Amino acid sequence: MTYPRVLIVALGRINATDTTNNGLLLRSLFTGWPRENVAQIYSSGDNGDNGFFGRYYRLGPPDRWLGHLFYKLKDAAKEELVGKPIPVFVSGTSREPPIRSAGKRLFLNTGLYELIFRPRLSKEMLVWTEDFKPDIIFAQGYCLTFAWLPVMLKKKLGIKLAFLSTDDWPMYLYSGQLGEPRVFTRMIKFVVKRATTRLMSVVDVPFAFGPPMADEYSARYKKTFITLSHADDPRRFSESAPLRSHPHGVFTILAMGNFNRFRWPLLLDANKCCRLLAEEGITARVAVLCSAIDPEGAQEIGRASYIDLFDDPGNELLPCYLKGADLLFLAEGFDEGFVSAIRLSVSSKSHLFMFSRRPIIVYAHPSTGVGKYAAKYHWAHLVARQDVGMLLETVRDLLKNTIEADRLVSCADETVKAFHLGDVNQARFVGSLTNCLGH
């Protein structure tokens, strides 16, 4: 197989070992790629490891207008946060943490800083890029800087550009939907739309994350988008031995991931279900494999009688824990703004749950991407309203009704084969890039 030299221009560094959604996705797509054929320009998210790609360039003062002032202000903002708990927000793209000072928050979270400290093609960046000699650029966006920069590099280098995003950031970026100040929303939304339209107009290989995004983006941007999905190797799961979080005889409901302020309250609903089941003589508990959680949520979850909080076991052990559960619980969200932001997103937990061959409950608004996905392909039972009674009825049914549980597992198997096999997704990805380049 021919592997082109790909320059990834993406906000968060793709590290060798972290568990961010975007990191898992790109490591899956670039598995087997010669390291020397992949490089990345990034801004944040460096965990200090050797990285997954062959070489990296981190944006610095020369790469922004007024760059020295920008990084001075950025360092001051980090000092402000030392020793303070950091809330978990939506994106898995290694964004900088939110700032508490009202003035700095207004400046950063509304996107004003991106208009002032715009990216520029520094001599250092161009020397590094030309030394790498890329065949194609791979962009993701997620902020204005990384919407503008790939277009600038494409024009300068005269090479092709591919694009893949895992959620609909052009619609929620700086919109106020995730709690940002709304003072400059109208102006910033105009800038975001213009930058996104320009980016999409010059994309040569447009990828979409899942069928709903492919359909909407094709209509919105007047291009045919190639569908990719989160994927994995089924042998990782079939060869893993189940590892139970609770003793046999305890019905284990397992949840996992990042629990931001929109998600952690849903765990308390599961806790109430376990309390009600206990009154019926059924012993059930919730195991939460947590990679991050909102500080307020951590306190509330810590007081919940039927929830046990575990550290993230890591990607290698995860299949064991998933297979050891009796029921998998994918808690997404019901908040109106949050739902709007993730209406084209499919959780990175979805395919992992499917591979585990355990019955799944999706607890989410029907307009979320994962809610629509579950409703269409029936790989999970969708509880589409935040209602403890409905949730309890579903849990009780799957606990007792093995026929329904087996049906969900069977539908999950079919969905995996259709969309989530790692070798199929990677072949489509590599083939699309090489075909564009005429290799």
Protein backbone atom coordinates (compact mmCIF):
# COMPACT_ATOMS: atom_id res chain seq x y z
CA MET A 1 0.00 0.00 0.00
CA THR A 2 1.23 3.51 -0.85
CA TYR A 3 1.15 5.91 2.08
CA PRO A 4 1.33 9.61 1.15
CA ARG A 5 3.20 12.13 3.28
CA VAL A 6 0.46 13.80 5.33
CA LEU A 7 0.75 17.12 7.16
CA ILE A 8 -1.89 17.17 9.90
CA VAL A 9 -2.92 20.70 10.90
CA ALA A 10 -4.99 20.11 14.04
CA LEU A 11 -5.47 21.94 17.32
CA GLY A 12 -4.59 19.15 19.80
CA ARG A 13 -1.39 17.11 19.55
CA ILE A 14 -1.94 13.44 18.72
CA ASN A 15 0.03 11.84 21.52
CA ALA A 16 1.12 8.21 21.72
CA THR A 17 -0.87 7.23 24.81
CA ASP A 18 -3.71 9.58 25.79
CA THR A 19 -7.41 8.70 25.55
CA THR A 20 -8.92 11.80 23.92
CA ASN A 21 -11.60 11.01 21.36
CA ASN A 22 -9.69 12.69 18.57
CA GLY A 23 -6.45 10.95 19.52
CA LEU A 24 -8.12 7.54 19.41
CA LEU A 25 -9.68 8.30 16.04
CA LEU A 26 -6.53 9.54 14.33
CA ARG A 27 -4.35 6.80 15.78
CA SER A 28 -6.85 4.31 14.36
CA LEU A 29 -6.84 5.93 10.91
CA PHE A 30 -3.04 6.21 10.79
CA THR A 31 -2.25 2.76 12.23
CA GLY A 32 0.45 1.11 10.13
CA TRP A 33 1.41 4.40 8.47
CA PRO A 34 5.18 4.95 8.30
CA ARG A 35 5.90 7.43 11.12
CA GLU A 36 8.20 9.44 8.87
CA ASN A 37 5.28 10.03 6.48
CA VAL A 38 3.11 11.84 9.03
CA ALA A 39 3.77 15.19 10.72
CA GLN A 40 1.60 17.57 12.73
CA ILE A 41 1.31 21.30 13.32
CA TYR A 42 -0.54 21.81 16.61
CA SER A 43 -1.19 24.31 19.37
CA SER A 44 -1.93 22.47 22.62
CA GLY A 45 -2.44 19.10 24.28
CA ASP A 46 1.20 17.95 24.48
CA ASN A 47 1.50 15.33 27.24
CA GLY A 48 5.27 14.99 26.92
CA ASP A 49 5.41 11.57 25.28
CA ASN A 50 7.15 10.80 21.98
CA GLY A 51 3.97 11.27 20.03
CA PHE A 52 2.28 9.01 17.49
CA PHE A 53 3.62 10.76 14.39
CA GLY A 54 7.15 11.20 13.12
CA ARG A 55 7.58 14.91 13.69
CA TYR A 56 5.76 17.85 15.28
CA TYR A 57 5.67 21.63 15.07
CA ARG A 58 4.04 23.55 17.93
CA LEU A 59 2.77 27.05 17.21
CA GLY A 60 4.83 29.71 18.95
CA PRO A 61 5.19 33.52 18.98
CA PRO A 62 6.46 33.78 15.36
CA ASP A 63 3.33 31.99 14.11
CA ARG A 64 0.82 34.65 15.20
CA TRP A 65 0.50 38.36 14.71
CA LEU A 66 1.56 39.98 18.02
CA GLY A 67 2.60 36.49 19.01
CA HIS A 68 4.87 37.46 21.92
CA LEU A 69 2.00 39.35 23.55
CA PHE A 70 -0.36 36.42 22.91
CA TYR A 71 1.86 33.88 24.67
CA LYS A 72 2.59 36.27 27.51
CA LEU A 73 -1.15 36.60 28.13
CA LYS A 74 -1.63 32.85 27.71
CA ASP A 75 1.03 32.09 30.33
CA ALA A 76 -0.58 34.57 32.73
CA ALA A 77 -3.94 32.87 32.24
CA LYS A 78 -2.43 29.48 33.08
CA GLU A 79 -0.89 30.88 36.27
CA GLU A 80 -4.34 32.11 37.30
CA LEU A 81 -5.62 28.51 37.16
CA VAL A 82 -2.86 26.85 39.22
CA GLY A 83 -4.42 24.85 42.07
CA LYS A 84 -7.99 25.45 40.88
CA PRO A 85 -10.32 22.70 39.63
CA ILE A 86 -10.92 22.74 35.89
CA PRO A 87 -14.41 21.96 34.57
CA VAL A 88 -14.65 19.46 31.76
CA PHE A 89 -16.18 20.82 28.57
CA VAL A 90 -17.39 19.28 25.37
CA SER A 91 -14.61 18.88 22.89
CA GLY A 92 -12.05 16.14 22.92
CA THR A 93 -9.62 18.33 21.03
CA SER A 94 -7.35 19.52 23.83
CA ARG A 95 -8.61 23.06 24.17
CA GLU A 96 -7.16 25.34 26.78
CA PRO A 97 -9.12 25.38 30.07
CA PRO A 98 -11.69 28.12 30.66
CA ILE A 99 -10.61 31.30 32.46
CA ARG A 100 -12.47 32.58 35.48
CA SER A 101 -11.63 36.29 35.33
CA ALA A 102 -14.58 38.01 33.60
CA GLY A 103 -12.39 40.16 31.33
CA LYS A 104 -10.12 37.32 30.25
CA ARG A 105 -13.09 35.00 29.84
CA LEU A 106 -14.79 37.54 27.56
CA PHE A 107 -11.60 37.94 25.53
CA LEU A 108 -10.85 34.22 25.17
CA ASN A 109 -14.18 32.40 25.20
CA THR A 110 -15.86 34.73 22.71
CA GLY A 111 -13.04 34.25 20.17
CA LEU A 112 -11.91 37.88 20.16
CA TYR A 113 -8.33 36.77 20.78
CA GLU A 114 -8.37 34.81 17.51
CA LEU A 115 -9.28 37.93 15.54
CA ILE A 116 -6.41 39.91 17.05
CA PHE A 117 -3.73 37.21 17.21
CA ARG A 118 -4.37 35.68 13.80
CA PRO A 119 -2.08 32.92 12.52
CA ARG A 120 0.74 33.72 10.12
CA LEU A 121 3.13 31.57 8.09
CA SER A 122 6.40 32.23 9.85
CA LYS A 123 9.79 31.51 8.33
CA GLU A 124 10.31 28.81 10.97
CA MET A 125 7.03 27.06 10.09
CA LEU A 126 7.71 27.15 6.35
CA VAL A 127 11.26 25.82 6.72
CA TRP A 128 9.96 22.95 8.89
CA THR A 129 7.09 22.23 6.48
CA GLU A 130 9.21 22.33 3.33
CA ASP A 131 11.74 20.01 4.97
CA PHE A 132 8.93 17.49 5.56
CA LYS A 133 7.73 17.77 1.92
CA PRO A 134 4.05 16.86 2.43
CA ASP A 135 1.87 15.46 -0.34
CA ILE A 136 -1.39 16.50 1.30
CA ILE A 137 -2.69 18.53 4.27
CA PHE A 138 -5.21 17.02 6.71
CA ALA A 139 -7.30 19.60 8.59
CA GLN A 140 -9.96 19.43 11.32
CA GLY A 141 -10.77 23.01 12.32
CA TYR A 142 -12.38 23.39 15.79
CA CYS A 143 -11.24 27.02 16.08
CA LEU A 144 -10.65 29.93 13.73
CA THR A 145 -6.86 29.56 13.82
CA PHE A 146 -7.08 25.99 12.57
CA ALA A 147 -9.73 26.88 10.00
CA TRP A 148 -7.52 29.63 8.53
CA LEU A 149 -4.12 27.94 8.76
CA PRO A 150 -4.75 24.94 6.45
CA VAL A 151 -6.07 27.26 3.74
CA MET A 152 -2.97 29.47 4.05
CA LEU A 153 -0.65 26.45 3.85
CA LYS A 154 -2.50 24.95 0.88
CA LYS A 155 -2.15 28.20 -1.05
CA LYS A 156 1.53 28.56 -0.15
CA LEU A 157 2.54 24.92 -0.79
CA GLY A 158 0.24 24.24 -3.75
CA ILE A 159 -0.85 20.81 -2.49
CA LYS A 160 -4.15 19.00 -1.82
CA LEU A 161 -6.24 19.39 1.34
CA ALA A 162 -8.33 16.78 3.20
CA PHE A 163 -10.79 17.50 6.03
CA LEU A 164 -12.38 15.46 8.82
CA SER A 165 -14.18 16.70 11.94
CA THR A 166 -15.94 14.57 14.54
CA ASP A 167 -18.60 17.15 15.39
CA ASP A 168 -20.33 20.18 13.92
CA TRP A 169 -18.04 22.86 15.36
CA PRO A 170 -18.89 25.38 12.58
CA MET A 171 -22.37 25.65 14.12
CA TYR A 172 -21.45 25.91 17.82
CA LEU A 173 -18.03 27.63 17.84
CA TYR A 174 -18.28 30.83 19.95
CA SER A 175 -22.07 30.68 19.66
CA GLY A 176 -22.83 30.75 23.39
CA GLN A 177 -24.42 27.28 23.24
CA LEU A 178 -21.85 25.87 25.67
CA GLY A 179 -22.02 28.67 28.20
CA GLU A 180 -19.72 31.24 26.57
CA PRO A 181 -20.52 34.96 26.84
CA ARG A 182 -22.88 36.03 24.05
CA VAL A 183 -21.76 39.67 23.78
CA PHE A 184 -20.06 39.35 20.39
CA THR A 185 -21.89 36.27 19.14
CA ARG A 186 -23.34 37.78 15.97
CA MET A 187 -20.01 39.22 14.79
CA ILE A 188 -17.98 36.11 15.63
CA LYS A 189 -20.54 33.77 14.04
CA PHE A 190 -20.20 35.74 10.79
CA VAL A 191 -16.42 35.34 10.91
CA VAL A 192 -16.71 31.62 11.71
CA LYS A 193 -19.14 31.05 8.84
CA ARG A 194 -16.92 32.90 6.38
CA ALA A 195 -13.80 31.01 7.51
CA THR A 196 -15.60 27.65 7.37
CA THR A 197 -17.09 28.32 3.94
CA ARG A 198 -13.66 29.27 2.62
CA LEU A 199 -12.08 26.16 4.15
CA MET A 200 -14.70 23.82 2.72
CA SER A 201 -14.51 25.45 -0.71
CA VAL A 202 -10.84 24.48 -1.11
CA VAL A 203 -11.04 20.99 0.44
CA ASP A 204 -10.11 18.31 -2.09
CA VAL A 205 -10.93 15.23 0.02
CA PRO A 206 -13.97 15.89 2.25
CA PHE A 207 -14.58 13.31 4.99
CA ALA A 208 -17.59 13.24 7.31
CA PHE A 209 -17.91 11.48 10.64
CA GLY A 210 -20.86 9.13 10.32
CA PRO A 211 -23.86 9.07 7.96
CA PRO A 212 -25.83 11.98 9.55
CA MET A 213 -22.88 14.37 9.14
CA ALA A 214 -22.20 13.13 5.60
CA ASP A 215 -25.79 13.87 4.57
CA GLU A 216 -25.94 17.32 6.16
CA TYR A 217 -22.46 18.45 5.10
CA SER A 218 -23.04 17.33 1.52
CA ALA A 219 -26.15 19.52 1.40
CA ARG A 220 -24.59 22.42 3.30
CA TYR A 221 -21.24 22.61 1.48
CA LYS A 222 -22.27 21.22 -1.93
CA LYS A 223 -19.70 18.41 -1.94
CA THR A 224 -19.92 14.64 -1.64
CA PHE A 225 -18.49 13.73 1.78
CA ILE A 226 -16.84 10.34 2.32
CA THR A 227 -18.12 8.64 5.48
CA LEU A 228 -15.69 7.49 8.18
CA SER A 229 -16.47 6.31 11.72
CA HIS A 230 -14.76 5.47 14.98
CA ALA A 231 -13.36 1.99 14.47
CA ASP A 232 -11.45 -0.79 16.19
CA ASP A 233 -10.16 -4.32 15.72
CA PRO A 234 -12.83 -6.84 16.82
CA ARG A 235 -10.09 -9.26 17.92
CA ARG A 236 -9.20 -6.86 20.73
CA PHE A 237 -12.57 -7.66 22.24
CA SER A 238 -13.04 -11.32 21.29
CA GLU A 239 -9.64 -12.18 22.80
CA SER A 240 -10.19 -10.19 26.04
CA ALA A 241 -11.29 -11.95 29.22
CA PRO A 242 -14.22 -10.31 31.07
CA LEU A 243 -13.23 -8.38 34.19
CA ARG A 244 -16.08 -7.55 36.56
CA SER A 245 -16.24 -4.27 38.47
CA HIS A 246 -18.52 -5.87 41.08
CA PRO A 247 -18.88 -9.39 42.49
CA HIS A 248 -21.08 -11.95 40.74
CA GLY A 249 -24.66 -11.51 41.84
CA VAL A 250 -24.48 -7.71 41.54
CA PHE A 251 -26.10 -6.42 38.33
CA THR A 252 -23.43 -4.04 37.00
CA ILE A 253 -24.44 -1.01 34.92
CA LEU A 254 -21.25 0.42 33.44
CA ALA A 255 -20.70 3.98 32.19
CA MET A 256 -17.44 5.50 30.99
CA GLY A 257 -15.81 8.64 29.61
CA ASN A 258 -15.71 12.36 30.33
CA PHE A 259 -18.59 13.62 32.43
CA ASN A 260 -19.03 17.32 31.88
CA ARG A 261 -21.73 19.43 33.52
CA PHE A 262 -24.28 18.19 31.00
CA ARG A 263 -23.56 14.49 31.49
CA TRP A 264 -22.80 13.79 35.15
CA PRO A 265 -26.38 14.53 36.39
CA LEU A 266 -27.53 11.58 34.25
CA LEU A 267 -25.43 9.25 36.39
CA LEU A 268 -27.53 10.30 39.37
CA ASP A 269 -30.62 9.12 37.49
CA ALA A 270 -28.97 5.70 37.14
CA ASN A 271 -28.19 5.82 40.87
CA LYS A 272 -31.91 6.38 41.60
CA CYS A 273 -32.76 3.40 39.40
CA CYS A 274 -30.45 1.19 41.46
CA ARG A 275 -32.08 2.43 44.67
CA LEU A 276 -35.54 1.58 43.30
CA LEU A 277 -34.32 -1.83 42.11
CA ALA A 278 -32.97 -2.49 45.64
CA GLU A 279 -36.48 -1.89 46.98
CA GLU A 280 -37.62 -4.66 44.63
CA GLY A 281 -34.93 -6.99 45.98
CA ILE A 282 -32.56 -6.59 43.00
CA THR A 283 -28.94 -5.73 43.77
CA ALA A 284 -27.58 -3.35 41.13
CA ARG A 285 -24.76 -0.83 41.09
CA VAL A 286 -23.28 1.66 38.62
CA ALA A 287 -19.58 1.40 37.76
CA VAL A 288 -18.17 4.59 36.25
CA LEU A 289 -14.82 4.39 34.43
CA CYS A 290 -14.01 8.07 34.56
CA SER A 291 -11.34 9.86 32.52
CA ALA A 292 -12.51 13.32 33.66
CA ILE A 293 -15.42 14.84 35.53
CA ASP A 294 -16.73 18.29 36.38
CA PRO A 295 -15.66 19.17 39.98
CA GLU A 296 -19.23 19.69 41.17
CA GLY A 297 -20.16 16.38 39.59
CA ALA A 298 -17.31 14.59 41.37
CA GLN A 299 -18.69 15.77 44.72
CA GLU A 300 -22.25 14.73 43.91
CA ILE A 301 -21.23 11.36 42.46
CA GLY A 302 -19.06 10.74 45.53
CA ARG A 303 -22.20 10.98 47.70
CA ALA A 304 -24.27 8.64 45.52
CA SER A 305 -24.99 5.37 47.35
CA TYR A 306 -25.10 3.09 44.31
CA ILE A 307 -22.27 4.52 42.18
CA ASP A 308 -18.65 3.34 42.29
CA LEU A 309 -16.13 5.62 40.61
CA PHE A 310 -13.08 3.96 38.99
CA ASP A 311 -10.10 5.45 37.20
CA ASP A 312 -9.94 5.07 33.43
CA PRO A 313 -8.32 1.61 32.96
CA GLY A 314 -6.67 2.61 29.69
CA ASN A 315 -7.35 1.51 26.14
CA GLU A 316 -5.77 -1.94 26.47
CA LEU A 317 -7.78 -3.08 29.51
CA LEU A 318 -11.02 -1.35 28.54
CA PRO A 319 -12.49 -4.30 26.56
CA CYS A 320 -12.14 -6.51 29.66
CA TYR A 321 -14.17 -4.13 31.82
CA LEU A 322 -16.83 -3.60 29.16
CA LYS A 323 -17.28 -7.35 28.65
CA GLY A 324 -17.49 -7.82 32.42
CA ALA A 325 -20.55 -5.55 32.74
CA ASP A 326 -24.18 -6.69 32.58
CA LEU A 327 -25.47 -3.49 30.96
CA LEU A 328 -23.69 -0.56 29.30
CA PHE A 329 -25.01 2.95 29.93
CA LEU A 330 -24.22 5.71 27.43
CA ALA A 331 -25.27 8.99 29.05
CA GLU A 332 -25.12 11.82 26.52
CA GLY A 333 -27.29 14.81 27.43
CA PHE A 334 -30.57 16.71 27.33
CA ASP A 335 -29.50 20.37 27.74
CA GLU A 336 -30.79 22.34 24.74
CA GLY A 337 -27.52 24.13 23.93
CA PHE A 338 -25.43 21.01 24.41
CA VAL A 339 -27.79 18.97 22.26
CA SER A 340 -27.49 21.52 19.45
CA ALA A 341 -23.70 21.29 19.63
CA ILE A 342 -23.59 17.48 19.37
CA ARG A 343 -26.48 16.80 17.01
CA LEU A 344 -24.08 15.42 14.37
CA SER A 345 -21.65 13.81 16.81
CA VAL A 346 -21.40 10.10 17.55
CA SER A 347 -19.82 9.34 20.90
CA SER A 348 -16.50 7.50 20.83
CA LYS A 349 -18.02 5.12 23.38
CA SER A 350 -20.66 3.88 20.94
CA HIS A 351 -18.56 1.50 18.89
CA LEU A 352 -16.60 0.29 21.93
CA PHE A 353 -19.88 -0.63 23.59
CA MET A 354 -21.05 -2.41 20.42
CA PHE A 355 -17.84 -4.46 20.16
CA SER A 356 -18.33 -5.61 23.77
CA ARG A 357 -21.50 -7.57 22.94
CA ARG A 358 -23.41 -6.37 25.98
CA PRO A 359 -26.88 -4.74 25.89
CA ILE A 360 -26.68 -0.95 25.71
CA ILE A 361 -28.92 1.88 26.91
CA VAL A 362 -28.47 5.30 25.32
CA TYR A 363 -29.83 7.99 27.66
CA ALA A 364 -29.98 11.02 25.40
CA HIS A 365 -32.16 13.57 23.68
CA PRO A 366 -33.41 12.15 20.35
CA SER A 367 -31.82 15.07 18.47
CA THR A 368 -28.28 14.19 19.58
CA GLY A 369 -26.15 12.40 17.02
CA VAL A 370 -25.86 9.29 19.15
CA GLY A 371 -29.61 9.32 19.86
CA LYS A 372 -30.42 9.43 16.15
CA TYR A 373 -27.84 6.73 15.47
CA ALA A 374 -29.29 4.37 18.09
CA ALA A 375 -32.85 4.99 16.90
CA LYS A 376 -31.98 4.28 13.27
CA TYR A 377 -29.86 1.13 13.70
CA HIS A 378 -31.27 -0.25 17.01
CA TRP A 379 -27.84 -1.11 18.47
CA ALA A 380 -29.07 0.29 21.80
CA HIS A 381 -32.35 0.98 23.56
CA LEU A 382 -32.86 4.75 23.39
CA VAL A 383 -34.38 6.42 26.44
CA ALA A 384 -35.16 9.73 24.77
CA ARG A 385 -36.44 11.72 27.76
CA GLN A 386 -34.77 12.50 31.07
CA ASP A 387 -37.14 10.47 33.16
CA VAL A 388 -36.08 8.10 35.96
CA GLY A 389 -39.27 6.07 35.57
CA MET A 390 -38.62 5.42 31.87
CA LEU A 391 -35.00 4.62 32.58
CA LEU A 392 -35.93 2.22 35.38
CA GLU A 393 -38.43 0.41 33.18
CA THR A 394 -35.77 -0.06 30.48
CA VAL A 395 -33.12 -1.28 32.93
CA ARG A 396 -35.56 -3.72 34.53
CA ASP A 397 -36.66 -5.03 31.13
CA LEU A 398 -33.09 -5.65 29.93
CA LEU A 399 -32.23 -7.27 33.25
CA LYS A 400 -35.06 -9.79 32.93
CA ASN A 401 -35.76 -10.03 29.18
CA THR A 402 -32.86 -11.91 27.63
CA ILE A 403 -34.58 -12.03 24.24
CA GLU A 404 -34.61 -8.21 24.00
CA ALA A 405 -31.03 -8.01 25.30
CA ASP A 406 -29.89 -10.53 22.68
CA ARG A 407 -31.72 -8.58 19.95
CA LEU A 408 -29.82 -5.40 20.86
CA VAL A 409 -26.51 -7.26 20.80
CA SER A 410 -27.34 -8.73 17.38
CA CYS A 411 -28.18 -5.27 15.97
CA ALA A 412 -24.94 -3.91 17.46
CA ASP A 413 -23.00 -6.68 15.67
CA GLU A 414 -24.56 -5.69 12.35
CA THR A 415 -23.82 -2.00 12.94
CA VAL A 416 -20.19 -2.80 13.75
CA LYS A 417 -19.82 -4.71 10.48
CA ALA A 418 -21.42 -1.87 8.53
CA PHE A 419 -19.48 1.06 9.97
CA HIS A 420 -16.86 0.35 12.65
CA LEU A 421 -14.32 -2.20 11.44
CA GLY A 422 -10.85 -0.69 11.70
CA ASP A 423 -9.38 -2.24 8.54
CA VAL A 424 -12.36 -1.16 6.42
CA ASN A 425 -12.28 2.44 7.64
CA GLN A 426 -8.53 2.71 7.23
CA ALA A 427 -8.63 1.26 3.71
CA ARG A 428 -11.31 3.81 2.75
CA PHE A 429 -9.25 6.60 4.29
CA VAL A 430 -5.94 5.65 2.64
CA GLY A 431 -7.65 4.93 -0.67
CA SER A 432 -9.37 8.33 -0.72
CA LEU A 433 -6.09 10.17 -0.12
CA THR A 434 -4.08 8.17 -2.66
CA ASN A 435 -6.80 8.43 -5.31
CA CYS A 436 -6.84 12.20 -4.88
CA LEU A 437 -3.09 12.32 -5.41
CA GLY A 438 -3.24 9.98 -8.42
CA HIS A 439 -1.02 7.34 -6.77
